[in-house]
């Protein structure tokens, strides 16, 4: 005799359970797949946004660096211009200021001696002394000698030399002058040392 199993569970219930098991299995597979896809997508988006932020930050830094480089170029141009101006001023100011020479000559001059020409020659380098050449007239040799002594005794002027001396008579110096006047024309050379 053979034994047979008899199933008293209705077939619809068994089919429903099987269908439910298959649906749960495939729904789980779909949920796991979608979660993996969404996870990968969000990870990719986060990494991409981080790269975009980095690129944006680098572009901003690049723009800032470009502006700073332009600013540095302008500052360098200004510095070069100022250095050129300073070099010109150094060339001018390394010599004895001419105003001091004029003021000292004005102090030394007497009423009977005056200058008709003043020539100042400055050297190009700092060690060269300034040469001074004075040409003028005096009413008398005594007044000219007094002027020469005061010039030679002044510390600002060195190597005072009377290079030329001529005596002449002139008329018409003043409108109401009737007779010719005796004048002494002179030329004096000296040096003004660097300070």
C-alpha atoms as a PDB file:
ATOM      1  CA  UNK A   1       0.000   0.000   0.000  1.00  0.00           C
ATOM      2  CA  UNK A   2       1.260   3.352  -0.881  1.00  0.00           C
ATOM      3  CA  UNK A   3       0.991   6.433   1.193  1.00  0.00           C
ATOM      4  CA  UNK A   4      -0.050   9.583  -0.412  1.00  0.00           C
ATOM      5  CA  UNK A   5       0.172  13.025   0.989  1.00  0.00           C
ATOM      6  CA  UNK A   6      -2.979  14.902   0.959  1.00  0.00           C
ATOM      7  CA  UNK A   7      -2.833  18.614   1.183  1.00  0.00           C
ATOM      8  CA  UNK A   8      -5.837  20.174   2.721  1.00  0.00           C
ATOM      9  CA  UNK A   9      -4.618  23.712   2.147  1.00  0.00           C
ATOM     10  CA  UNK A  10      -6.465  25.298  -0.705  1.00  0.00           C
ATOM     11  CA  UNK A  11      -4.358  25.817  -3.831  1.00  0.00           C
ATOM     12  CA  UNK A  12      -5.224  29.510  -4.021  1.00  0.00           C
ATOM     13  CA  UNK A  13      -3.639  30.085  -0.638  1.00  0.00           C
ATOM     14  CA  UNK A  14      -0.479  28.245  -1.668  1.00  0.00           C
ATOM     15  CA  UNK A  15      -0.294  30.201  -4.923  1.00  0.00           C
ATOM     16  CA  UNK A  16      -0.813  33.443  -3.037  1.00  0.00           C
ATOM     17  CA  UNK A  17       2.002  32.629  -0.599  1.00  0.00           C
ATOM     18  CA  UNK A  18       4.319  31.754  -3.458  1.00  0.00           C
ATOM     19  CA  UNK A  19       3.426  34.927  -5.285  1.00  0.00           C
ATOM     20  CA  UNK A  20       3.900  36.958  -2.112  1.00  0.00           C
ATOM     21  CA  UNK A  21       7.316  35.360  -1.518  1.00  0.00           C
ATOM     22  CA  UNK A  22       8.393  36.114  -5.096  1.00  0.00           C
ATOM     23  CA  UNK A  23       7.099  39.675  -4.852  1.00  0.00           C
ATOM     24  CA  UNK A  24       8.925  40.296  -1.563  1.00  0.00           C
ATOM     25  CA  UNK A  25      12.134  38.800  -2.955  1.00  0.00           C
ATOM     26  CA  UNK A  26      12.062  40.880  -6.129  1.00  0.00           C
ATOM     27  CA  UNK A  27      10.939  44.016  -4.278  1.00  0.00           C
ATOM     28  CA  UNK A  28      13.903  43.554  -1.926  1.00  0.00           C
ATOM     29  CA  UNK A  29      16.193  43.131  -4.941  1.00  0.00           C
ATOM     30  CA  UNK A  30      14.773  46.289  -6.526  1.00  0.00           C
ATOM     31  CA  UNK A  31      15.107  48.272  -3.255  1.00  0.00           C
ATOM     32  CA  UNK A  32      18.705  47.099  -2.813  1.00  0.00           C
ATOM     33  CA  UNK A  33      19.502  47.954  -6.460  1.00  0.00           C
ATOM     34  CA  UNK A  34      17.868  51.369  -6.217  1.00  0.00           C
ATOM     35  CA  UNK A  35      19.621  52.120  -2.924  1.00  0.00           C
ATOM     36  CA  UNK A  36      22.947  51.177  -4.514  1.00  0.00           C
ATOM     37  CA  UNK A  37      22.198  53.337  -7.564  1.00  0.00           C
ATOM     38  CA  UNK A  38      21.041  56.297  -5.443  1.00  0.00           C
ATOM     39  CA  UNK A  39      23.985  55.887  -3.115  1.00  0.00           C
ATOM     40  CA  UNK A  40      26.389  55.878  -6.037  1.00  0.00           C
ATOM     41  CA  UNK A  41      24.580  58.888  -7.548  1.00  0.00           C
ATOM     42  CA  UNK A  42      24.710  60.902  -4.304  1.00  0.00           C
ATOM     43  CA  UNK A  43      28.358  59.988  -3.743  1.00  0.00           C
ATOM     44  CA  UNK A  44      29.158  61.016  -7.319  1.00  0.00           C
ATOM     45  CA  UNK A  45      27.229  64.282  -6.953  1.00  0.00           C
ATOM     46  CA  UNK A  46      28.939  65.077  -3.647  1.00  0.00           C
ATOM     47  CA  UNK A  47      32.383  64.393  -5.132  1.00  0.00           C
ATOM     48  CA  UNK A  48      31.511  66.417  -8.261  1.00  0.00           C
ATOM     49  CA  UNK A  49      30.259  69.356  -6.189  1.00  0.00           C
ATOM     50  CA  UNK A  50      33.416  69.220  -4.114  1.00  0.00           C
ATOM     51  CA  UNK A  51      35.458  69.369  -7.328  1.00  0.00           C
ATOM     52  CA  UNK A  52      33.305  72.209  -8.633  1.00  0.00           C
ATOM     53  CA  UNK A  53      33.780  74.082  -5.377  1.00  0.00           C
ATOM     54  CA  UNK A  54      37.521  73.514  -5.635  1.00  0.00           C
ATOM     55  CA  UNK A  55      37.567  74.704  -9.259  1.00  0.00           C
ATOM     56  CA  UNK A  56      35.495  77.768  -8.352  1.00  0.00           C
ATOM     57  CA  UNK A  57      37.778  78.550  -5.445  1.00  0.00           C
ATOM     58  CA  UNK A  58      40.820  78.139  -7.700  1.00  0.00           C
ATOM     59  CA  UNK A  59      39.282  80.443 -10.318  1.00  0.00           C
ATOM     60  CA  UNK A  60      38.610  83.071  -7.653  1.00  0.00           C
ATOM     61  CA  UNK A  61      42.177  82.758  -6.382  1.00  0.00           C
ATOM     62  CA  UNK A  62      43.461  83.008  -9.942  1.00  0.00           C
ATOM     63  CA  UNK A  63      41.400  86.167 -10.500  1.00  0.00           C
ATOM     64  CA  UNK A  64      42.659  87.616  -7.193  1.00  0.00           C
ATOM     65  CA  UNK A  65      46.230  86.710  -8.096  1.00  0.00           C
ATOM     66  CA  UNK A  66      45.814  88.362 -11.505  1.00  0.00           C
ATOM     67  CA  UNK A  67      44.558  91.549  -9.837  1.00  0.00           C
ATOM     68  CA  UNK A  68      47.437  91.462  -7.339  1.00  0.00           C
ATOM     69  CA  UNK A  69      49.966  90.877 -10.140  1.00  0.00           C
ATOM     70  CA  UNK A  70      48.569  93.906 -12.007  1.00  0.00           C
ATOM     71  CA  UNK A  71      48.762  95.941  -8.819  1.00  0.00           C
ATOM     72  CA  UNK A  72      52.367  94.812  -8.260  1.00  0.00           C
ATOM     73  CA  UNK A  73      53.229  95.786 -11.860  1.00  0.00           C
ATOM     74  CA  UNK A  74      51.760  99.250 -11.301  1.00  0.00           C
ATOM     75  CA  UNK A  75      53.692  99.587  -8.043  1.00  0.00           C
ATOM     76  CA  UNK A  76      56.901  98.474  -9.786  1.00  0.00           C
ATOM     77  CA  UNK A  77      56.322 101.018 -12.559  1.00  0.00           C
ATOM     78  CA  UNK A  78      55.770 103.720  -9.939  1.00  0.00           C
ATOM     79  CA  UNK A  79      58.924 102.618  -8.091  1.00  0.00           C
ATOM     80  CA  UNK A  80      60.946 102.683 -11.317  1.00  0.00           C
ATOM     81  CA  UNK A  81      59.654 106.172 -12.048  1.00  0.00           C
ATOM     82  CA  UNK A  82      60.477 107.312  -8.515  1.00  0.00           C
ATOM     83  CA  UNK A  83      63.944 105.736  -8.732  1.00  0.00           C
ATOM     84  CA  UNK A  84      64.609 107.613 -11.973  1.00  0.00           C
ATOM     85  CA  UNK A  85      63.436 110.861 -10.406  1.00  0.00           C
ATOM     86  CA  UNK A  86      65.541 110.161  -7.325  1.00  0.00           C
ATOM     87  CA  UNK A  87      68.605 109.484  -9.491  1.00  0.00           C
ATOM     88  CA  UNK A  88      68.033 112.830 -11.198  1.00  0.00           C
ATOM     89  CA  UNK A  89      67.647 114.565  -7.850  1.00  0.00           C
ATOM     90  CA  UNK A  90      70.801 112.893  -6.514  1.00  0.00           C
ATOM     91  CA  UNK A  91      72.691 114.174  -9.553  1.00  0.00           C
ATOM     92  CA  UNK A  92      71.395 117.665  -8.932  1.00  0.00           C
ATOM     93  CA  UNK A  93      71.747 117.730  -5.155  1.00  0.00           C
ATOM     94  CA  UNK A  94      75.129 116.080  -4.783  1.00  0.00           C
ATOM     95  CA  UNK A  95      76.756 119.410  -5.712  1.00  0.00           C
ATOM     96  CA  UNK A  96      76.955 122.351  -3.349  1.00  0.00           C
ATOM     97  CA  UNK A  97      73.583 124.101  -3.486  1.00  0.00           C
ATOM     98  CA  UNK A  98      73.988 127.164  -5.672  1.00  0.00           C
ATOM     99  CA  UNK A  99      71.823 129.280  -3.413  1.00  0.00           C
ATOM    100  CA  UNK A 100      74.392 128.942  -0.622  1.00  0.00           C
ATOM    101  CA  UNK A 101      77.145 130.038  -3.013  1.00  0.00           C
ATOM    102  CA  UNK A 102      75.103 133.065  -4.113  1.00  0.00           C
ATOM    103  CA  UNK A 103      74.258 134.008  -0.517  1.00  0.00           C
ATOM    104  CA  UNK A 104      77.906 133.780   0.535  1.00  0.00           C
ATOM    105  CA  UNK A 105      79.040 135.875  -2.457  1.00  0.00           C
ATOM    106  CA  UNK A 106      76.386 138.483  -1.624  1.00  0.00           C
ATOM    107  CA  UNK A 107      77.752 138.697   1.926  1.00  0.00           C
ATOM    108  CA  UNK A 108      81.340 139.133   0.707  1.00  0.00           C
ATOM    109  CA  UNK A 109      80.664 141.692  -2.066  1.00  0.00           C
ATOM    110  CA  UNK A 110      81.343 145.349  -1.303  1.00  0.00           C
ATOM    111  CA  UNK A 111      79.726 148.420  -2.850  1.00  0.00           C
ATOM    112  CA  UNK A 112      82.704 149.249  -5.035  1.00  0.00           C
ATOM    113  CA  UNK A 113      82.975 145.757  -6.579  1.00  0.00           C
ATOM    114  CA  UNK A 114      80.322 143.949  -8.613  1.00  0.00           C
ATOM    115  CA  UNK A 115      80.022 140.907 -10.830  1.00  0.00           C
ATOM    116  CA  UNK A 116      79.090 140.959 -14.501  1.00  0.00           C
ATOM    117  CA  UNK A 117      79.335 137.217 -15.063  1.00  0.00           C
ATOM    118  CA  UNK A 118      79.234 134.134 -12.840  1.00  0.00           C
ATOM    119  CA  UNK A 119      79.994 130.660 -14.200  1.00  0.00           C
ATOM    120  CA  UNK A 120      79.560 127.484 -12.156  1.00  0.00           C
ATOM    121  CA  UNK A 121      80.816 124.175 -13.506  1.00  0.00           C
ATOM    122  CA  UNK A 122      79.876 121.022 -11.612  1.00  0.00           C
ATOM    123  CA  UNK A 123      81.658 117.704 -12.017  1.00  0.00           C
ATOM    124  CA  UNK A 124      79.758 114.550 -12.950  1.00  0.00           C
ATOM    125  CA  UNK A 125      81.095 112.433 -10.116  1.00  0.00           C
ATOM    126  CA  UNK A 126      80.809 113.079  -6.405  1.00  0.00           C
ATOM    127  CA  UNK A 127      84.543 113.651  -5.793  1.00  0.00           C
ATOM    128  CA  UNK A 128      84.927 116.452  -8.348  1.00  0.00           C
ATOM    129  CA  UNK A 129      84.836 119.935  -6.869  1.00  0.00           C
ATOM    130  CA  UNK A 130      82.621 122.635  -8.317  1.00  0.00           C
ATOM    131  CA  UNK A 131      84.545 125.257 -10.293  1.00  0.00           C
ATOM    132  CA  UNK A 132      83.495 128.865  -9.922  1.00  0.00           C
ATOM    133  CA  UNK A 133      84.568 131.667 -12.285  1.00  0.00           C
ATOM    134  CA  UNK A 134      83.734 135.269 -11.347  1.00  0.00           C
ATOM    135  CA  UNK A 135      84.043 138.134 -13.839  1.00  0.00           C
ATOM    136  CA  UNK A 136      83.307 141.697 -12.824  1.00  0.00           C
ATOM    137  CA  UNK A 137      84.430 145.265 -12.211  1.00  0.00           C
ATOM    138  CA  UNK A 138      85.772 147.274  -9.312  1.00  0.00           C
ATOM    139  CA  UNK A 139      86.279 151.006  -8.806  1.00  0.00           C
ATOM    140  CA  UNK A 140      89.684 150.545  -7.227  1.00  0.00           C
ATOM    141  CA  UNK A 141      92.421 147.990  -6.716  1.00  0.00           C
ATOM    142  CA  UNK A 142      92.051 148.340  -2.927  1.00  0.00           C
ATOM    143  CA  UNK A 143      88.377 147.379  -3.058  1.00  0.00           C
ATOM    144  CA  UNK A 144      89.194 144.476  -5.366  1.00  0.00           C
ATOM    145  CA  UNK A 145      91.962 143.353  -2.977  1.00  0.00           C
ATOM    146  CA  UNK A 146      89.527 143.546  -0.071  1.00  0.00           C
ATOM    147  CA  UNK A 147      87.051 141.397  -2.018  1.00  0.00           C
ATOM    148  CA  UNK A 148      89.791 138.876  -2.885  1.00  0.00           C
ATOM    149  CA  UNK A 149      90.913 138.638   0.758  1.00  0.00           C
ATOM    150  CA  UNK A 150      87.374 138.056   2.005  1.00  0.00           C
ATOM    151  CA  UNK A 151      86.819 135.445  -0.716  1.00  0.00           C
ATOM    152  CA  UNK A 152      90.083 133.631   0.133  1.00  0.00           C
ATOM    153  CA  UNK A 153      89.327 133.690   3.881  1.00  0.00           C
ATOM    154  CA  UNK A 154      85.884 132.159   3.415  1.00  0.00           C
ATOM    155  CA  UNK A 155      85.812 128.387   4.157  1.00  0.00           C
ATOM    156  CA  UNK A 156      83.397 127.679   1.301  1.00  0.00           C
ATOM    157  CA  UNK A 157      85.854 128.832  -1.399  1.00  0.00           C
ATOM    158  CA  UNK A 158      89.226 127.138  -1.992  1.00  0.00           C
ATOM    159  CA  UNK A 159      92.131 127.892  -4.351  1.00  0.00           C
ATOM    160  CA  UNK A 160      91.084 131.497  -5.016  1.00  0.00           C
ATOM    161  CA  UNK A 161      93.179 132.768  -7.965  1.00  0.00           C
ATOM    162  CA  UNK A 162      93.049 136.161  -9.699  1.00  0.00           C
ATOM    163  CA  UNK A 163      93.406 135.065 -13.337  1.00  0.00           C
ATOM    164  CA  UNK A 164      93.061 138.366 -15.165  1.00  0.00           C
ATOM    165  CA  UNK A 165      93.150 142.024 -14.255  1.00  0.00           C
ATOM    166  CA  UNK A 166      92.780 144.900 -16.718  1.00  0.00           C
ATOM    167  CA  UNK A 167      92.331 148.579 -16.103  1.00  0.00           C
ATOM    168  CA  UNK A 168      90.166 150.634 -18.425  1.00  0.00           C
ATOM    169  CA  UNK A 169      88.350 153.913 -18.624  1.00  0.00           C
ATOM    170  CA  UNK A 170      84.696 154.002 -19.480  1.00  0.00           C
ATOM    171  CA  UNK A 171      82.254 156.751 -20.216  1.00  0.00           C
ATOM    172  CA  UNK A 172      78.498 156.693 -20.330  1.00  0.00           C
ATOM    173  CA  UNK A 173      78.150 154.409 -17.324  1.00  0.00           C
ATOM    174  CA  UNK A 174      75.724 156.956 -15.852  1.00  0.00           C
ATOM    175  CA  UNK A 175      73.628 159.508 -17.763  1.00  0.00           C
ATOM    176  CA  UNK A 176      74.938 162.574 -15.970  1.00  0.00           C
ATOM    177  CA  UNK A 177      78.558 161.388 -15.995  1.00  0.00           C
ATOM    178  CA  UNK A 178      80.812 164.007 -17.680  1.00  0.00           C
ATOM    179  CA  UNK A 179      84.285 162.534 -17.530  1.00  0.00           C
ATOM    180  CA  UNK A 180      85.416 158.934 -18.115  1.00  0.00           C
ATOM    181  CA  UNK A 181      85.564 156.653 -15.082  1.00  0.00           C
ATOM    182  CA  UNK A 182      88.474 154.359 -14.254  1.00  0.00           C
ATOM    183  CA  UNK A 183      87.376 150.726 -13.751  1.00  0.00           C
ATOM    184  CA  UNK A 184      89.282 147.568 -13.025  1.00  0.00           C
ATOM    185  CA  UNK A 185      87.990 144.479 -14.807  1.00  0.00           C
ATOM    186  CA  UNK A 186      88.856 141.168 -13.146  1.00  0.00           C
ATOM    187  CA  UNK A 187      88.410 137.464 -13.524  1.00  0.00           C
ATOM    188  CA  UNK A 188      88.712 135.189 -10.480  1.00  0.00           C
ATOM    189  CA  UNK A 189      88.660 131.375 -10.403  1.00  0.00           C
ATOM    190  CA  UNK A 190      88.081 129.258  -7.314  1.00  0.00           C
ATOM    191  CA  UNK A 191      86.805 125.854  -6.216  1.00  0.00           C
ATOM    192  CA  UNK A 192      83.857 124.940  -4.017  1.00  0.00           C
ATOM    193  CA  UNK A 193      84.611 121.591  -2.315  1.00  0.00           C
ATOM    194  CA  UNK A 194      81.925 118.975  -1.770  1.00  0.00           C
ATOM    195  CA  UNK A 195      80.294 118.882   1.613  1.00  0.00           C
END
